[in-house]
Amino acid sequence: MTGIVTVAQLTAFDEIIDVRTPSEFAEDHVPGAVNLPVLYDEERAHVGTLYKQASPFVAKRVGAALVSRNIAEHLEKRLMDKPREWRPLVYCWRGGKRSGAMAHILGEIGWKVARLEGGYKAYRRHVIEALASLPQRFSFHVICGPTGSGKSRLLAALARQGAQVLDLEALAAHRGSVLGSLPDQPQPGQKWFESQIWAALNRFDPAAPVFVEGESKKIGNLRVPEAIIQRMWQAGRVIRLEPPIGQRVALLQEEYRHFLAEPEMLLARLACLRELHGEKRIAAWKALAGAGRWDELVLDLLEKHYDPTYARSMARHYPALDEAPRFAPEDISPAAFEALARQILAENGYGHLESRAGGR
């Protein structure tokens, strides 16, 4: 038994199965879906070549054998323990042959399987449309603060207290500056970044605030959806995080310890600032790094580069920044940020969220 459903019905199923190739799945997919390809990348390329160079009949004959073999393997391994009541949703690129083959066999077994109308393409259109309008439903509380103030740590602490947090830098796998790339963790593609944002917003309650870090339009190589940026800039409630500079220097050395362990990587990144600061200043920073004088280097980077850049950006996008409430953790320990999160929630009338965190 099979049926056709829309993107609005995604949550009605026990499991979502993406039958596209691993490379298609890696680029983007419905959040929470599992990848059970009916054709792998090399197989799909081979069938496509046969379609063009031999004939559609030959391509379909070879493709059917490959599809049958792959579905059989999924049944014997990944799907063997599924109960009779299991309800899967299957999709492919356009909701056509690949998902149809998987859905037909699953339905013949007796599972109440459904296919996604329009496949991944319909899902992608839905995400684009939703991200243009969905942010308007939410009230964003924007955490602003200079580099090293612990904005990401505060967001994590707020989330642990039960607050709704949209951590764009975590989703983007980037800290949002020239030194912001994470070691051994590449950024996702733009489409998967947007899918994760869409999924997060869909989990949120519009009646409660969404805490987010003040960002520019780009985080590394990724673009933040325009509707979110505009909502933050035009209607966001700003909260200023301003610890003393000594704490910021210490926090940055914790956050960027991979640069301290591999100074060559740091020096390569600092070279990207040559056009902004000139050869003489870059040479001075490299000398400090080479000598392991990290406190001096971090302080100078903050005073000469990060703080002026951040101040200009915030003044441009948040005209009421000077009137925003100001907070600072007692130190850079996890306990200090937990206490600060409780204080912010209490002063904004959301102290009750702590009970939500305890019930998770």
Protein backbone atom coordinates (compact mmCIF):
# COMPACT_ATOMS: atom_id res chain seq x y z
CA MET A 1 0.00 0.00 0.00
CA THR A 2 1.49 3.32 -1.04
CA GLY A 3 0.29 6.91 -1.06
CA ILE A 4 1.44 10.41 -1.97
CA VAL A 5 1.97 13.11 0.68
CA THR A 6 3.24 16.69 0.78
CA VAL A 7 6.05 18.38 2.70
CA ALA A 8 3.52 19.52 5.29
CA GLN A 9 3.04 15.88 6.32
CA LEU A 10 6.70 14.99 6.95
CA THR A 11 6.24 14.55 10.70
CA ALA A 12 3.51 11.93 10.27
CA PHE A 13 5.95 9.09 9.56
CA ASP A 14 8.19 6.83 11.63
CA GLU A 15 11.13 7.26 9.27
CA ILE A 16 12.03 9.28 6.19
CA ILE A 17 14.09 7.47 3.56
CA ASP A 18 16.13 9.34 0.95
CA VAL A 19 16.87 6.89 -1.88
CA ARG A 20 19.10 9.27 -3.87
CA THR A 21 22.83 8.76 -4.23
CA PRO A 22 25.19 9.46 -1.30
CA SER A 23 26.53 12.59 -3.02
CA GLU A 24 23.01 13.98 -3.53
CA PHE A 25 22.20 13.21 0.10
CA ALA A 26 25.42 14.87 1.32
CA GLU A 27 24.59 18.11 -0.49
CA ASP A 28 21.21 18.41 1.19
CA HIS A 29 18.35 16.28 2.47
CA VAL A 30 15.27 16.40 4.65
CA PRO A 31 16.60 16.76 8.24
CA GLY A 32 16.34 13.45 10.04
CA ALA A 33 16.20 11.38 6.84
CA VAL A 34 18.34 8.27 6.36
CA ASN A 35 20.11 7.54 3.09
CA LEU A 36 19.26 4.16 1.53
CA PRO A 37 20.33 4.61 -2.10
CA VAL A 38 18.66 2.51 -4.75
CA LEU A 39 21.52 3.55 -7.03
CA TYR A 40 24.96 4.62 -5.82
CA ASP A 41 26.86 7.44 -7.52
CA GLU A 42 28.94 5.26 -9.83
CA GLU A 43 25.93 3.10 -10.70
CA ARG A 44 23.77 6.08 -11.57
CA ALA A 45 26.54 7.51 -13.77
CA HIS A 46 26.91 4.13 -15.52
CA VAL A 47 23.17 3.86 -16.21
CA GLY A 48 23.13 7.42 -17.53
CA THR A 49 25.97 6.65 -19.89
CA LEU A 50 24.15 3.55 -21.18
CA TYR A 51 21.01 5.62 -21.72
CA LYS A 52 22.92 7.99 -24.01
CA GLN A 53 25.37 5.64 -25.71
CA ALA A 54 23.40 2.38 -25.96
CA SER A 55 19.63 2.76 -25.58
CA PRO A 56 16.98 3.53 -22.97
CA PHE A 57 16.02 -0.17 -22.95
CA VAL A 58 19.55 -1.32 -22.11
CA ALA A 59 19.90 1.37 -19.45
CA LYS A 60 16.62 0.40 -17.80
CA ARG A 61 17.47 -3.30 -17.86
CA VAL A 62 20.84 -2.72 -16.18
CA GLY A 63 19.39 -0.12 -13.83
CA ALA A 64 16.56 -2.44 -12.73
CA ALA A 65 19.06 -5.13 -11.76
CA LEU A 66 21.13 -2.64 -9.74
CA VAL A 67 18.07 -1.16 -8.05
CA SER A 68 16.72 -4.59 -7.15
CA ARG A 69 20.05 -5.67 -5.70
CA ASN A 70 20.43 -2.51 -3.61
CA ILE A 71 16.89 -2.62 -2.26
CA ALA A 72 17.38 -6.27 -1.33
CA GLU A 73 20.51 -5.34 0.60
CA HIS A 74 18.66 -2.60 2.50
CA LEU A 75 15.88 -5.06 3.37
CA GLU A 76 18.35 -7.63 4.64
CA LYS A 77 20.33 -5.14 6.72
CA ARG A 78 18.83 -1.76 7.62
CA LEU A 79 15.13 -2.70 7.40
CA MET A 80 15.06 -6.30 8.60
CA ASP A 81 13.87 -5.49 12.13
CA LYS A 82 11.08 -3.07 11.21
CA PRO A 83 7.68 -4.11 12.62
CA ARG A 84 4.51 -4.45 10.58
CA GLU A 85 3.21 -1.12 11.95
CA TRP A 86 6.27 0.84 10.71
CA ARG A 87 5.31 3.78 8.47
CA PRO A 88 8.10 5.01 6.16
CA LEU A 89 8.14 7.98 3.79
CA VAL A 90 10.31 7.61 0.69
CA TYR A 91 11.60 10.32 -1.63
CA CYS A 92 14.05 10.79 -4.49
CA TRP A 93 14.92 13.75 -6.74
CA ARG A 94 11.49 14.39 -8.30
CA GLY A 95 9.37 11.72 -6.64
CA GLY A 96 9.63 9.43 -9.65
CA LYS A 97 11.25 6.13 -10.57
CA ARG A 98 13.77 5.67 -7.77
CA SER A 99 11.36 6.35 -4.90
CA GLY A 100 8.63 4.52 -6.80
CA ALA A 101 10.73 1.34 -6.94
CA MET A 102 11.49 1.40 -3.22
CA ALA A 103 7.93 2.33 -2.24
CA HIS A 104 6.44 -0.44 -4.40
CA ILE A 105 8.50 -3.16 -2.73
CA LEU A 106 7.96 -1.81 0.78
CA GLY A 107 4.24 -1.59 0.09
CA GLU A 108 4.11 -5.14 -1.25
CA ILE A 109 5.70 -6.35 1.98
CA GLY A 110 2.83 -4.79 3.89
CA TRP A 111 4.20 -1.55 5.29
CA LYS A 112 2.08 1.60 4.94
CA VAL A 113 4.62 3.45 2.86
CA ALA A 114 4.17 6.86 1.24
CA ARG A 115 6.11 8.90 -1.31
CA LEU A 116 6.83 12.61 -1.12
CA GLU A 117 5.01 14.44 -3.89
CA GLY A 118 7.58 16.18 -6.09
CA GLY A 119 10.46 14.57 -4.19
CA TYR A 120 13.46 16.55 -2.99
CA LYS A 121 12.78 19.35 -5.50
CA ALA A 122 9.41 20.04 -3.86
CA TYR A 123 11.01 19.95 -0.44
CA ARG A 124 13.70 22.42 -1.53
CA ARG A 125 11.10 24.83 -2.94
CA HIS A 126 9.23 24.62 0.36
CA VAL A 127 12.37 25.47 2.37
CA ILE A 128 13.15 28.50 0.21
CA GLU A 129 9.59 29.80 0.52
CA ALA A 130 9.41 29.10 4.26
CA LEU A 131 12.70 30.86 5.04
CA ALA A 132 11.38 33.97 3.30
CA SER A 133 8.36 34.19 5.62
CA LEU A 134 8.86 32.02 8.71
CA PRO A 135 11.28 34.39 10.54
CA GLN A 136 8.54 37.02 10.72
CA ARG A 137 6.68 34.83 13.22
CA PHE A 138 9.46 35.02 15.81
CA SER A 139 10.85 37.58 18.24
CA PHE A 140 14.64 37.47 18.10
CA HIS A 141 16.71 38.41 21.13
CA VAL A 142 20.08 39.25 19.62
CA ILE A 143 23.24 38.66 21.66
CA CYS A 144 25.76 41.31 20.63
CA GLY A 145 29.25 41.63 21.95
CA PRO A 146 32.83 42.07 20.74
CA THR A 147 34.98 39.13 19.65
CA GLY A 148 35.88 36.90 22.59
CA SER A 149 32.96 37.95 24.78
CA GLY A 150 31.56 34.41 24.85
CA LYS A 151 28.41 34.83 22.76
CA SER A 152 28.43 31.20 21.63
CA ARG A 153 28.99 30.00 25.19
CA LEU A 154 26.08 32.11 26.37
CA LEU A 155 23.81 30.72 23.65
CA ALA A 156 24.73 27.17 24.68
CA ALA A 157 24.00 28.00 28.33
CA LEU A 158 20.65 29.57 27.40
CA ALA A 159 19.74 26.42 25.47
CA ARG A 160 20.57 24.27 28.50
CA GLN A 161 18.25 26.48 30.56
CA GLY A 162 15.41 25.65 28.16
CA ALA A 163 15.48 28.77 25.98
CA GLN A 164 14.98 28.62 22.22
CA VAL A 165 18.37 29.17 20.60
CA LEU A 166 19.25 29.49 16.93
CA ASP A 167 23.03 29.04 16.88
CA LEU A 168 23.84 30.01 13.31
CA GLU A 169 27.60 29.63 13.76
CA ALA A 170 27.19 26.07 15.05
CA LEU A 171 24.99 25.21 12.06
CA ALA A 172 27.51 26.86 9.73
CA ALA A 173 30.51 25.15 11.39
CA HIS A 174 32.31 28.50 11.48
CA ARG A 175 32.95 31.22 14.05
CA GLY A 176 32.32 34.02 11.61
CA SER A 177 35.70 35.68 11.11
CA VAL A 178 38.89 35.29 9.10
CA LEU A 179 40.12 32.94 11.84
CA GLY A 180 36.71 31.32 12.28
CA SER A 181 37.01 28.03 10.39
CA LEU A 182 36.92 24.98 12.65
CA PRO A 183 39.77 22.46 12.61
CA ASP A 184 38.92 19.25 10.73
CA GLN A 185 35.30 20.34 10.23
CA PRO A 186 34.43 21.77 6.82
CA GLN A 187 31.44 24.02 6.41
CA PRO A 188 28.26 22.43 5.08
CA GLY A 189 26.85 23.44 1.72
CA GLN A 190 24.44 26.35 1.50
CA LYS A 191 21.42 24.11 0.97
CA TRP A 192 22.08 21.93 4.02
CA PHE A 193 22.76 25.05 6.11
CA GLU A 194 19.34 26.36 5.12
CA SER A 195 17.68 23.01 5.78
CA GLN A 196 19.04 22.99 9.32
CA ILE A 197 17.77 26.54 9.94
CA TRP A 198 14.35 25.59 8.57
CA ALA A 199 14.21 22.54 10.83
CA ALA A 200 15.20 24.59 13.88
CA LEU A 201 12.57 27.27 13.25
CA ASN A 202 9.92 24.60 12.79
CA ARG A 203 10.68 23.25 16.25
CA PHE A 204 10.32 26.66 17.91
CA ASP A 205 7.25 28.14 19.59
CA PRO A 206 6.46 31.61 18.15
CA ALA A 207 5.13 32.66 21.57
CA ALA A 208 8.62 32.41 23.12
CA PRO A 209 11.72 34.41 22.15
CA VAL A 210 14.50 33.02 19.99
CA PHE A 211 18.01 33.87 21.15
CA VAL A 212 20.52 34.36 18.35
CA GLU A 213 23.98 35.87 17.98
CA GLY A 214 24.34 39.13 16.10
CA GLU A 215 25.76 38.08 12.73
CA SER A 216 26.73 39.63 9.44
CA LYS A 217 25.13 38.42 6.22
CA LYS A 218 27.79 35.75 5.77
CA ILE A 219 29.29 33.20 8.12
CA GLY A 220 32.41 31.97 6.41
CA ASN A 221 31.27 30.97 2.92
CA LEU A 222 27.60 30.67 3.82
CA ARG A 223 24.84 33.27 3.50
CA VAL A 224 22.38 33.73 6.34
CA PRO A 225 18.82 33.82 4.90
CA GLU A 226 17.92 37.43 4.20
CA ALA A 227 14.62 37.31 6.09
CA ILE A 228 16.40 36.27 9.31
CA ILE A 229 19.01 39.01 8.99
CA GLN A 230 16.39 41.67 8.34
CA ARG A 231 14.23 40.47 11.22
CA MET A 232 17.23 40.64 13.55
CA TRP A 233 18.28 44.07 12.35
CA GLN A 234 14.86 45.67 12.19
CA ALA A 235 13.01 44.10 15.11
CA GLY A 236 15.59 42.27 17.20
CA ARG A 237 15.82 42.99 20.92
CA VAL A 238 19.51 43.53 21.62
CA ILE A 239 21.36 42.16 24.64
CA ARG A 240 24.95 43.37 25.03
CA LEU A 241 27.62 41.02 26.34
CA GLU A 242 30.66 43.02 27.48
CA PRO A 243 33.21 41.26 29.71
CA PRO A 244 36.56 42.93 30.50
CA ILE A 245 39.18 42.58 27.83
CA GLY A 246 41.37 40.32 29.96
CA GLN A 247 38.60 37.72 30.03
CA ARG A 248 38.20 38.01 26.28
CA VAL A 249 41.91 37.40 25.69
CA ALA A 250 41.77 34.29 27.88
CA LEU A 251 38.58 32.99 26.27
CA LEU A 252 39.93 33.40 22.75
CA GLN A 253 43.02 31.40 23.63
CA GLU A 254 40.75 28.60 24.82
CA GLU A 255 38.52 28.76 21.74
CA TYR A 256 41.39 28.96 19.26
CA ARG A 257 43.88 26.64 20.94
CA HIS A 258 44.33 24.83 17.61
CA PHE A 259 46.11 27.92 16.30
CA LEU A 260 48.41 27.96 19.30
CA ALA A 261 49.27 24.33 18.60
CA GLU A 262 49.87 25.02 14.89
CA PRO A 263 51.18 28.59 14.51
CA GLU A 264 51.79 28.06 10.78
CA MET A 265 48.05 27.80 10.22
CA LEU A 266 47.51 31.03 12.15
CA LEU A 267 50.19 32.84 10.16
CA ALA A 268 48.55 31.80 6.89
CA ARG A 269 45.21 33.22 8.06
CA LEU A 270 46.76 36.47 9.29
CA ALA A 271 48.21 36.99 5.82
CA CYS A 272 44.64 37.42 4.58
CA LEU A 273 44.48 40.70 6.50
CA ARG A 274 47.42 42.24 4.64
CA GLU A 275 45.29 44.52 2.46
CA LEU A 276 43.46 45.90 5.49
CA HIS A 277 46.46 46.42 7.79
CA GLY A 278 49.56 46.52 5.65
CA GLU A 279 52.75 44.52 5.60
CA LYS A 280 54.30 46.14 8.68
CA ARG A 281 51.46 45.25 11.05
CA ILE A 282 51.14 41.73 9.66
CA ALA A 283 54.87 41.24 10.21
CA ALA A 284 54.50 42.42 13.82
CA TRP A 285 51.67 39.97 14.45
CA LYS A 286 53.68 37.14 12.90
CA ALA A 287 56.62 38.01 15.13
CA LEU A 288 54.42 37.82 18.24
CA ALA A 289 53.04 34.45 17.12
CA GLY A 290 56.51 33.15 16.34
CA ALA A 291 57.68 34.10 19.83
CA GLY A 292 54.62 32.53 21.47
CA ARG A 293 53.56 35.86 22.97
CA TRP A 294 49.90 34.95 22.71
CA ASP A 295 48.44 37.42 25.22
CA GLU A 296 50.05 40.32 23.36
CA LEU A 297 49.03 39.00 19.96
CA VAL A 298 45.39 38.42 20.89
CA LEU A 299 45.11 41.80 22.60
CA ASP A 300 46.58 43.60 19.59
CA LEU A 301 44.31 41.73 17.16
CA LEU A 302 41.32 42.76 19.23
CA GLU A 303 42.31 46.40 19.53
CA LYS A 304 43.56 46.89 15.96
CA HIS A 305 41.25 44.65 13.94
CA TYR A 306 38.31 42.94 15.59
CA ASP A 307 36.93 45.62 17.90
CA PRO A 308 36.88 48.48 15.36
CA THR A 309 35.35 46.22 12.70
CA TYR A 310 32.68 44.89 15.07
CA ALA A 311 31.83 48.33 16.43
CA ARG A 312 31.23 49.71 12.93
CA SER A 313 29.05 46.76 11.97
CA MET A 314 26.90 46.85 15.12
CA ALA A 315 26.41 50.63 14.97
CA ARG A 316 25.21 50.29 11.37
CA HIS A 317 22.76 47.47 11.97
CA TYR A 318 21.54 48.14 15.53
CA PRO A 319 20.96 51.88 16.02
CA ALA A 320 19.58 51.33 19.56
CA LEU A 321 22.66 49.37 20.65
CA ASP A 322 23.75 52.00 23.20
CA GLU A 323 20.46 51.65 25.09
CA ALA A 324 20.57 47.84 25.22
CA PRO A 325 21.02 46.11 28.61
CA ARG A 326 24.59 45.07 29.31
CA PHE A 327 25.77 41.84 30.89
CA ALA A 328 29.08 40.13 31.68
CA PRO A 329 29.95 36.74 33.16
CA GLU A 330 32.02 36.71 36.34
CA ASP A 331 34.70 34.70 34.53
CA ILE A 332 34.98 32.37 31.52
CA SER A 333 34.03 29.16 33.35
CA PRO A 334 30.94 27.12 32.34
CA ALA A 335 29.38 27.87 35.73
CA ALA A 336 29.70 31.62 35.12
CA PHE A 337 27.89 31.38 31.79
CA GLU A 338 25.17 29.19 33.32
CA ALA A 339 24.62 31.85 35.99
CA LEU A 340 24.56 34.58 33.37
CA ALA A 341 21.99 32.68 31.30
CA ARG A 342 19.73 32.35 34.35
CA GLN A 343 20.12 36.06 35.07
CA ILE A 344 19.22 37.08 31.51
CA LEU A 345 16.19 34.81 31.44
CA ALA A 346 15.00 36.07 34.83
CA GLU A 347 15.45 39.75 33.92
CA ASN A 348 13.58 39.23 30.67
CA GLY A 349 10.71 37.45 32.39
CA TYR A 350 11.58 33.95 31.22
CA GLY A 351 12.86 32.38 34.42
CA HIS A 352 10.17 29.68 34.06
CA LEU A 353 12.12 28.21 31.13
CA GLU A 354 14.45 26.51 33.61
CA SER A 355 11.67 24.01 34.38
CA ARG A 356 11.40 23.22 30.68
CA ALA A 357 15.12 22.40 30.60
CA GLY A 358 14.75 20.08 33.56
CA GLY A 359 11.96 18.18 31.84
CA ARG A 360 13.88 17.44 28.66
